Amino acid sequence: MDAMTLYRFGRGAYLRGWHRLAKSIDRANYALTRCVLPSSCAIGQGTRLAYGGLVVVVHAGARVGERCLLGQAITIGAKEAFVGRKRNLAPRIGDDVYIASGAKVLGDIEIGSNSVIGANSVVLQSFPPYSVIVGAPARVVGTTEPGYKAIRSNADGG
């Protein structure tokens, strides 16, 4: 059983209002895979974790689109930590986005669909669709080709 499968079970429980069961699945997921994928975060269908989600941390309020590929040792989280009633705002990732190993995507930002975030980048601001994003702090260095997909099948030529 991999981290994404456990997340899907937990997410199903969470959406049905079975929050205690979802939290238990979240804990089991962390214990078994060392991956933090809270059932409350929204991860789209077809999204995959490279290397089984090794050291992947996703904020409880984050949204990740469909068919994304998340590299190992990435963080998708809040920029500031608030304790109490103030809500931490987390990133929103579009569809078909590849986030390479070690990247950090932080804060109340949006990453447009069909984008690539380079290894070890620190993303603190929003970027439009079809962006190639690298660096610390991150900046756009190019664009992806029309029809870019983060996950390609052999039928797609990938």
N, C-alpha and C. Protein backbone atom coordinates (compact mmCIF):
# COMPACT_ATOMS: atom_id res chain seq x y z
N MET A 1 0.85 -1.17 0.00
CA MET A 1 0.00 0.00 0.00
C MET A 1 0.90 1.24 0.00
N ASP A 2 0.68 2.13 -0.94
CA ASP A 2 1.51 3.33 -1.02
C ASP A 2 0.80 4.54 -0.40
N ALA A 3 1.52 5.64 -0.31
CA ALA A 3 1.02 6.85 0.36
C ALA A 3 -0.23 7.41 -0.32
N MET A 4 -0.27 7.41 -1.65
CA MET A 4 -1.42 7.99 -2.35
C MET A 4 -2.67 7.13 -2.15
N THR A 5 -2.51 5.82 -2.13
CA THR A 5 -3.66 4.94 -1.88
C THR A 5 -4.22 5.17 -0.49
N LEU A 6 -3.34 5.27 0.50
CA LEU A 6 -3.79 5.56 1.86
C LEU A 6 -4.48 6.92 1.93
N TYR A 7 -3.90 7.91 1.23
CA TYR A 7 -4.54 9.24 1.19
C TYR A 7 -5.96 9.12 0.63
N ARG A 8 -6.14 8.39 -0.46
CA ARG A 8 -7.47 8.26 -1.09
C ARG A 8 -8.48 7.64 -0.12
N PHE A 9 -8.06 6.61 0.64
CA PHE A 9 -8.95 6.03 1.65
C PHE A 9 -9.31 7.07 2.71
N GLY A 10 -8.30 7.79 3.20
CA GLY A 10 -8.54 8.82 4.21
C GLY A 10 -9.42 9.94 3.68
N ARG A 11 -9.19 10.34 2.45
CA ARG A 11 -9.99 11.42 1.84
C ARG A 11 -11.46 11.00 1.73
N GLY A 12 -11.68 9.74 1.34
CA GLY A 12 -13.05 9.24 1.26
C GLY A 12 -13.74 9.30 2.61
N ALA A 13 -13.03 8.90 3.65
CA ALA A 13 -13.59 8.96 5.01
C ALA A 13 -13.85 10.41 5.41
N TYR A 14 -12.92 11.29 5.11
CA TYR A 14 -13.05 12.71 5.46
C TYR A 14 -14.29 13.33 4.79
N LEU A 15 -14.47 13.05 3.51
CA LEU A 15 -15.60 13.61 2.77
C LEU A 15 -16.94 13.07 3.25
N ARG A 16 -16.93 11.89 3.87
CA ARG A 16 -18.16 11.32 4.42
C ARG A 16 -18.41 11.79 5.86
N GLY A 17 -17.52 12.63 6.37
CA GLY A 17 -17.68 13.14 7.72
C GLY A 17 -17.12 12.23 8.80
N TRP A 18 -16.38 11.22 8.41
CA TRP A 18 -15.78 10.29 9.36
C TRP A 18 -14.38 10.80 9.71
N HIS A 19 -14.32 11.91 10.40
CA HIS A 19 -13.06 12.62 10.63
C HIS A 19 -12.09 11.84 11.52
N ARG A 20 -12.59 11.13 12.51
CA ARG A 20 -11.69 10.33 13.36
C ARG A 20 -11.02 9.22 12.57
N LEU A 21 -11.80 8.54 11.73
CA LEU A 21 -11.22 7.49 10.88
C LEU A 21 -10.21 8.10 9.92
N ALA A 22 -10.55 9.24 9.32
CA ALA A 22 -9.63 9.91 8.40
C ALA A 22 -8.32 10.26 9.10
N LYS A 23 -8.41 10.79 10.32
CA LYS A 23 -7.21 11.15 11.08
C LYS A 23 -6.37 9.91 11.39
N SER A 24 -7.02 8.80 11.69
CA SER A 24 -6.29 7.56 11.96
C SER A 24 -5.56 7.07 10.70
N ILE A 25 -6.22 7.20 9.56
CA ILE A 25 -5.57 6.82 8.30
C ILE A 25 -4.41 7.75 8.00
N ASP A 26 -4.57 9.04 8.27
CA ASP A 26 -3.47 10.00 8.10
C ASP A 26 -2.26 9.59 8.93
N ARG A 27 -2.50 9.21 10.17
CA ARG A 27 -1.41 8.80 11.07
C ARG A 27 -0.75 7.52 10.57
N ALA A 28 -1.56 6.58 10.12
CA ALA A 28 -1.01 5.33 9.58
C ALA A 28 -0.18 5.61 8.33
N ASN A 29 -0.67 6.52 7.49
CA ASN A 29 0.07 6.88 6.28
C ASN A 29 1.45 7.43 6.64
N TYR A 30 1.49 8.31 7.63
CA TYR A 30 2.78 8.87 8.05
C TYR A 30 3.69 7.79 8.64
N ALA A 31 3.12 6.94 9.48
CA ALA A 31 3.92 5.89 10.13
C ALA A 31 4.50 4.91 9.11
N LEU A 32 3.73 4.60 8.08
CA LEU A 32 4.16 3.61 7.09
C LEU A 32 5.03 4.20 5.98
N THR A 33 4.75 5.44 5.60
CA THR A 33 5.42 6.00 4.41
C THR A 33 6.26 7.24 4.68
N ARG A 34 6.14 7.83 5.87
CA ARG A 34 6.81 9.10 6.21
C ARG A 34 6.40 10.21 5.26
N CYS A 35 5.16 10.15 4.84
CA CYS A 35 4.58 11.12 3.93
C CYS A 35 3.42 11.81 4.64
N VAL A 36 3.35 13.14 4.57
CA VAL A 36 2.26 13.88 5.21
C VAL A 36 1.30 14.33 4.12
N LEU A 37 0.19 13.60 4.02
CA LEU A 37 -0.87 13.91 3.07
C LEU A 37 -2.19 13.92 3.84
N PRO A 38 -2.53 15.03 4.49
CA PRO A 38 -3.75 15.07 5.29
C PRO A 38 -5.00 14.81 4.44
N SER A 39 -5.95 14.12 5.01
CA SER A 39 -7.20 13.82 4.30
C SER A 39 -7.97 15.09 3.95
N SER A 40 -7.71 16.18 4.63
CA SER A 40 -8.42 17.44 4.37
C SER A 40 -7.89 18.19 3.16
N CYS A 41 -6.68 17.88 2.71
CA CYS A 41 -6.18 18.54 1.50
C CYS A 41 -6.84 17.90 0.28
N ALA A 42 -6.97 18.66 -0.79
CA ALA A 42 -7.62 18.16 -2.01
C ALA A 42 -6.55 17.86 -3.06
N ILE A 43 -6.44 16.58 -3.42
CA ILE A 43 -5.48 16.16 -4.44
C ILE A 43 -6.27 15.51 -5.57
N GLY A 44 -6.11 16.04 -6.79
CA GLY A 44 -6.89 15.58 -7.93
C GLY A 44 -6.54 14.18 -8.39
N GLN A 45 -7.47 13.61 -9.15
CA GLN A 45 -7.29 12.27 -9.70
C GLN A 45 -6.08 12.23 -10.64
N GLY A 46 -5.41 11.11 -10.63
CA GLY A 46 -4.27 10.91 -11.51
C GLY A 46 -2.98 11.50 -11.02
N THR A 47 -3.01 12.23 -9.92
CA THR A 47 -1.77 12.80 -9.37
C THR A 47 -0.95 11.68 -8.75
N ARG A 48 0.36 11.74 -8.95
CA ARG A 48 1.25 10.69 -8.46
C ARG A 48 2.38 11.28 -7.62
N LEU A 49 2.93 10.41 -6.79
CA LEU A 49 4.08 10.76 -5.96
C LEU A 49 5.30 10.01 -6.48
N ALA A 50 6.35 10.74 -6.82
CA ALA A 50 7.60 10.08 -7.24
C ALA A 50 8.22 9.36 -6.06
N TYR A 51 8.80 8.23 -6.31
CA TYR A 51 9.48 7.45 -5.28
C TYR A 51 8.58 7.16 -4.08
N GLY A 52 7.30 6.96 -4.33
CA GLY A 52 6.36 6.60 -3.27
C GLY A 52 6.04 7.71 -2.30
N GLY A 53 6.41 8.93 -2.62
CA GLY A 53 6.09 10.06 -1.74
C GLY A 53 7.11 10.27 -0.63
N LEU A 54 8.32 9.84 -0.87
CA LEU A 54 9.39 9.96 0.12
C LEU A 54 9.51 11.40 0.61
N VAL A 55 9.24 11.63 1.87
CA VAL A 55 9.36 12.91 2.57
C VAL A 55 8.54 14.03 1.89
N VAL A 56 7.36 13.70 1.41
CA VAL A 56 6.46 14.71 0.84
C VAL A 56 5.59 15.25 1.96
N VAL A 57 5.48 16.59 2.04
CA VAL A 57 4.65 17.25 3.04
C VAL A 57 3.68 18.19 2.32
N VAL A 58 2.38 17.95 2.53
CA VAL A 58 1.35 18.79 1.92
C VAL A 58 0.48 19.36 3.03
N HIS A 59 0.26 20.66 3.00
CA HIS A 59 -0.55 21.37 3.99
C HIS A 59 -1.99 20.86 3.95
N ALA A 60 -2.63 20.85 5.11
CA ALA A 60 -4.00 20.36 5.23
C ALA A 60 -4.99 21.14 4.37
N GLY A 61 -4.70 22.39 4.06
CA GLY A 61 -5.61 23.21 3.26
C GLY A 61 -5.18 23.36 1.81
N ALA A 62 -4.15 22.67 1.39
CA ALA A 62 -3.65 22.80 0.02
C ALA A 62 -4.58 22.13 -0.98
N ARG A 63 -4.52 22.63 -2.22
CA ARG A 63 -5.24 22.00 -3.33
C ARG A 63 -4.24 21.70 -4.42
N VAL A 64 -4.21 20.45 -4.85
CA VAL A 64 -3.33 20.00 -5.93
C VAL A 64 -4.23 19.46 -7.04
N GLY A 65 -3.99 19.90 -8.25
CA GLY A 65 -4.84 19.53 -9.38
C GLY A 65 -4.69 18.09 -9.83
N GLU A 66 -5.29 17.80 -10.95
CA GLU A 66 -5.26 16.46 -11.53
C GLU A 66 -3.98 16.24 -12.33
N ARG A 67 -3.55 14.97 -12.35
CA ARG A 67 -2.42 14.51 -13.17
C ARG A 67 -1.12 15.25 -12.87
N CYS A 68 -0.92 15.66 -11.63
CA CYS A 68 0.34 16.29 -11.24
C CYS A 68 1.34 15.21 -10.83
N LEU A 69 2.60 15.54 -10.89
CA LEU A 69 3.66 14.65 -10.42
C LEU A 69 4.44 15.40 -9.36
N LEU A 70 4.45 14.85 -8.15
CA LEU A 70 5.11 15.48 -7.01
C LEU A 70 6.39 14.71 -6.69
N GLY A 71 7.53 15.37 -6.81
CA GLY A 71 8.82 14.74 -6.55
C GLY A 71 9.04 14.49 -5.07
N GLN A 72 10.14 13.81 -4.78
CA GLN A 72 10.46 13.50 -3.38
C GLN A 72 10.97 14.74 -2.66
N ALA A 73 10.76 14.74 -1.34
CA ALA A 73 11.25 15.79 -0.44
C ALA A 73 10.72 17.17 -0.80
N ILE A 74 9.45 17.26 -1.20
CA ILE A 74 8.85 18.56 -1.49
C ILE A 74 7.95 18.99 -0.35
N THR A 75 7.70 20.29 -0.28
CA THR A 75 6.75 20.84 0.69
C THR A 75 5.79 21.75 -0.04
N ILE A 76 4.50 21.54 0.19
CA ILE A 76 3.45 22.44 -0.28
C ILE A 76 2.77 22.91 0.99
N GLY A 77 3.07 24.14 1.42
CA GLY A 77 2.60 24.55 2.74
C GLY A 77 2.36 26.03 2.90
N ALA A 78 1.97 26.38 4.11
CA ALA A 78 1.74 27.78 4.47
C ALA A 78 3.08 28.50 4.65
N LYS A 79 3.06 29.80 4.42
CA LYS A 79 4.28 30.58 4.59
C LYS A 79 4.46 30.99 6.05
N GLU A 80 3.35 31.17 6.75
CA GLU A 80 3.40 31.59 8.14
C GLU A 80 2.62 30.60 8.98
N ALA A 81 3.04 30.41 10.20
CA ALA A 81 2.33 29.50 11.10
C ALA A 81 1.53 30.30 12.11
N PHE A 82 0.23 30.15 12.05
CA PHE A 82 -0.65 30.80 13.01
C PHE A 82 -1.25 29.74 13.91
N VAL A 83 -1.29 30.03 15.18
CA VAL A 83 -1.92 29.13 16.13
C VAL A 83 -3.20 29.80 16.59
N GLY A 84 -4.26 29.06 16.61
CA GLY A 84 -5.53 29.62 17.04
C GLY A 84 -6.54 29.64 15.91
N ARG A 85 -7.39 30.66 15.91
CA ARG A 85 -8.49 30.71 14.95
C ARG A 85 -8.10 31.24 13.58
N LYS A 86 -7.00 31.94 13.48
CA LYS A 86 -6.61 32.48 12.18
C LYS A 86 -6.18 31.32 11.28
N ARG A 87 -6.66 31.33 10.06
CA ARG A 87 -6.42 30.22 9.15
C ARG A 87 -5.13 30.41 8.36
N ASN A 88 -4.34 29.35 8.30
CA ASN A 88 -3.15 29.36 7.45
C ASN A 88 -3.59 29.16 6.01
N LEU A 89 -3.11 29.97 5.11
CA LEU A 89 -3.49 29.85 3.71
C LEU A 89 -2.42 29.09 2.94
N ALA A 90 -2.86 28.10 2.20
CA ALA A 90 -1.94 27.19 1.52
C ALA A 90 -2.04 27.35 0.00
N PRO A 91 -1.06 26.85 -0.72
CA PRO A 91 -1.04 26.97 -2.18
C PRO A 91 -2.15 26.20 -2.88
N ARG A 92 -2.42 26.66 -4.10
CA ARG A 92 -3.33 25.99 -5.01
C ARG A 92 -2.52 25.67 -6.26
N ILE A 93 -2.43 24.40 -6.59
CA ILE A 93 -1.63 23.93 -7.72
C ILE A 93 -2.58 23.50 -8.83
N GLY A 94 -2.35 23.98 -10.04
CA GLY A 94 -3.21 23.62 -11.18
C GLY A 94 -3.03 22.19 -11.63
N ASP A 95 -3.66 21.84 -12.74
CA ASP A 95 -3.56 20.50 -13.32
C ASP A 95 -2.25 20.35 -14.11
N ASP A 96 -1.78 19.11 -14.20
CA ASP A 96 -0.60 18.78 -15.02
C ASP A 96 0.63 19.59 -14.64
N VAL A 97 0.88 19.73 -13.36
CA VAL A 97 2.06 20.45 -12.86
C VAL A 97 3.07 19.43 -12.35
N TYR A 98 4.32 19.61 -12.72
CA TYR A 98 5.41 18.78 -12.20
C TYR A 98 6.19 19.59 -11.18
N ILE A 99 6.29 19.08 -9.96
CA ILE A 99 7.07 19.72 -8.91
C ILE A 99 8.26 18.82 -8.63
N ALA A 100 9.46 19.27 -9.00
CA ALA A 100 10.66 18.45 -8.90
C ALA A 100 11.15 18.33 -7.45
N SER A 101 12.05 17.41 -7.23
CA SER A 101 12.53 17.08 -5.89
C SER A 101 13.07 18.29 -5.15
N GLY A 102 12.73 18.34 -3.87
CA GLY A 102 13.24 19.38 -2.98
C GLY A 102 12.57 20.73 -3.09
N ALA A 103 11.61 20.89 -3.98
CA ALA A 103 10.95 22.19 -4.15
C ALA A 103 10.06 22.52 -2.96
N LYS A 104 9.94 23.79 -2.67
CA LYS A 104 9.08 24.30 -1.62
C LYS A 104 8.12 25.30 -2.25
N VAL A 105 6.83 25.06 -2.10
CA VAL A 105 5.79 25.95 -2.62
C VAL A 105 5.02 26.43 -1.40
N LEU A 106 5.16 27.72 -1.08
CA LEU A 106 4.70 28.21 0.22
C LEU A 106 3.80 29.44 0.11
N GLY A 107 2.72 29.46 0.89
CA GLY A 107 1.89 30.64 1.03
C GLY A 107 0.59 30.56 0.25
N ASP A 108 -0.14 31.65 0.31
CA ASP A 108 -1.43 31.79 -0.36
C ASP A 108 -1.18 32.16 -1.82
N ILE A 109 -0.74 31.18 -2.60
CA ILE A 109 -0.35 31.42 -3.99
C ILE A 109 -1.02 30.40 -4.91
N GLU A 110 -0.96 30.68 -6.20
CA GLU A 110 -1.52 29.78 -7.19
C GLU A 110 -0.47 29.51 -8.27
N ILE A 111 -0.32 28.24 -8.59
CA ILE A 111 0.57 27.82 -9.68
C ILE A 111 -0.33 27.38 -10.83
N GLY A 112 -0.17 28.03 -11.97
CA GLY A 112 -1.02 27.74 -13.12
C GLY A 112 -0.79 26.34 -13.67
N SER A 113 -1.80 25.82 -14.33
CA SER A 113 -1.73 24.48 -14.92
C SER A 113 -0.61 24.38 -15.95
N ASN A 114 -0.16 23.14 -16.18
CA ASN A 114 0.84 22.82 -17.19
C ASN A 114 2.18 23.50 -16.93
N SER A 115 2.52 23.67 -15.67
CA SER A 115 3.78 24.32 -15.29
C SER A 115 4.77 23.30 -14.75
N VAL A 116 6.03 23.70 -14.67
CA VAL A 116 7.10 22.89 -14.10
C VAL A 116 7.80 23.72 -13.04
N ILE A 117 8.01 23.13 -11.87
CA ILE A 117 8.79 23.79 -10.81
C ILE A 117 10.07 22.99 -10.64
N GLY A 118 11.20 23.63 -10.84
CA GLY A 118 12.50 22.97 -10.82
C GLY A 118 12.93 22.51 -9.43
N ALA A 119 13.88 21.61 -9.42
CA ALA A 119 14.41 21.04 -8.18
C ALA A 119 14.93 22.12 -7.25
N ASN A 120 14.61 21.99 -5.97
CA ASN A 120 15.06 22.87 -4.90
C ASN A 120 14.62 24.33 -5.05
N SER A 121 13.62 24.58 -5.87
CA SER A 121 13.10 25.94 -6.00
C SER A 121 12.30 26.31 -4.76
N VAL A 122 12.28 27.60 -4.45
CA VAL A 122 11.48 28.11 -3.34
C VAL A 122 10.47 29.09 -3.96
N VAL A 123 9.21 28.65 -4.05
CA VAL A 123 8.17 29.42 -4.72
C VAL A 123 7.33 30.14 -3.68
N LEU A 124 7.36 31.48 -3.72
CA LEU A 124 6.65 32.30 -2.74
C LEU A 124 5.63 33.23 -3.37
N GLN A 125 5.44 33.13 -4.70
CA GLN A 125 4.48 33.98 -5.38
C GLN A 125 3.76 33.16 -6.45
N SER A 126 2.63 33.67 -6.91
CA SER A 126 1.84 32.99 -7.94
C SER A 126 2.51 33.09 -9.30
N PHE A 127 2.25 32.07 -10.14
CA PHE A 127 2.77 32.06 -11.50
C PHE A 127 1.67 31.61 -12.45
N PRO A 128 1.69 32.13 -13.71
CA PRO A 128 0.65 31.79 -14.67
C PRO A 128 0.84 30.37 -15.24
N PRO A 129 -0.19 29.87 -15.95
CA PRO A 129 -0.06 28.56 -16.59
C PRO A 129 1.12 28.53 -17.56
N TYR A 130 1.60 27.33 -17.83
CA TYR A 130 2.68 27.05 -18.79
C TYR A 130 4.01 27.68 -18.41
N SER A 131 4.26 27.87 -17.12
CA SER A 131 5.51 28.48 -16.66
C SER A 131 6.54 27.41 -16.31
N VAL A 132 7.79 27.70 -16.60
CA VAL A 132 8.92 26.93 -16.10
C VAL A 132 9.53 27.79 -15.01
N ILE A 133 9.47 27.28 -13.77
CA ILE A 133 9.78 28.08 -12.58
C ILE A 133 10.99 27.47 -11.88
N VAL A 134 12.03 28.27 -11.63
CA VAL A 134 13.22 27.77 -10.96
C VAL A 134 13.80 28.84 -10.03
N GLY A 135 14.62 28.38 -9.10
CA GLY A 135 15.40 29.29 -8.27
C GLY A 135 14.86 29.51 -6.88
N ALA A 136 15.67 30.23 -6.11
CA ALA A 136 15.31 30.59 -4.74
C ALA A 136 15.73 32.04 -4.51
N PRO A 137 14.83 32.98 -4.57
CA PRO A 137 13.39 32.81 -4.80
C PRO A 137 13.11 32.48 -6.27
N ALA A 138 11.99 31.82 -6.49
CA ALA A 138 11.65 31.32 -7.83
C ALA A 138 11.31 32.45 -8.80
N ARG A 139 11.60 32.18 -10.07
CA ARG A 139 11.27 33.11 -11.15
C ARG A 139 10.98 32.28 -12.41
N VAL A 140 10.30 32.86 -13.36
CA VAL A 140 10.00 32.18 -14.61
C VAL A 140 11.20 32.29 -15.53
N VAL A 141 11.62 31.16 -16.09
CA VAL A 141 12.74 31.16 -17.02
C VAL A 141 12.33 30.67 -18.41
N GLY A 142 11.08 30.30 -18.56
CA GLY A 142 10.60 29.83 -19.85
C GLY A 142 9.16 29.39 -19.76
N THR A 143 8.71 28.74 -20.82
CA THR A 143 7.34 28.23 -20.84
C THR A 143 7.36 26.78 -21.31
N THR A 144 6.34 26.05 -20.91
CA THR A 144 6.20 24.68 -21.38
C THR A 144 5.50 24.70 -22.74
N GLU A 145 5.63 23.63 -23.47
CA GLU A 145 5.01 23.54 -24.79
C GLU A 145 3.50 23.38 -24.66
N PRO A 146 2.75 23.85 -25.65
CA PRO A 146 1.30 23.62 -25.63
C PRO A 146 1.04 22.11 -25.53
N GLY A 147 0.08 21.74 -24.71
CA GLY A 147 -0.23 20.32 -24.54
C GLY A 147 0.67 19.62 -23.54
N TYR A 148 1.51 20.35 -22.82
CA TYR A 148 2.40 19.75 -21.83
C TYR A 148 1.61 18.97 -20.79
N LYS A 149 2.10 17.77 -20.45
CA LYS A 149 1.50 16.95 -19.41
C LYS A 149 2.59 16.54 -18.44
N ALA A 150 2.32 16.67 -17.15
CA ALA A 150 3.29 16.27 -16.13
C ALA A 150 3.51 14.77 -16.16
N ILE A 151 2.45 14.01 -16.42
CA ILE A 151 2.54 12.56 -16.49
C ILE A 151 2.16 12.15 -17.89
N ARG A 152 3.11 11.53 -18.58
CA ARG A 152 2.84 11.08 -19.96
C ARG A 152 2.84 9.57 -19.99
N SER A 153 1.96 9.02 -20.76
CA SER A 153 1.94 7.56 -20.92
C SER A 153 2.82 7.21 -22.13
N ASN A 154 3.10 5.93 -22.30
CA ASN A 154 3.88 5.50 -23.46
C ASN A 154 3.16 5.85 -24.77
N ALA A 155 1.84 5.87 -24.73
CA ALA A 155 1.06 6.23 -25.91
C ALA A 155 1.27 7.71 -26.27
N ASP A 156 1.62 8.53 -25.27
CA ASP A 156 1.86 9.97 -25.51
C ASP A 156 3.28 10.22 -26.01
N GLY A 157 4.10 9.19 -26.06
CA GLY A 157 5.48 9.36 -26.47
C GLY A 157 6.41 9.64 -25.32
N GLY A 158 5.96 9.38 -24.08
CA GLY A 158 6.78 9.68 -22.92
C GLY A 158 7.22 8.50 -22.16
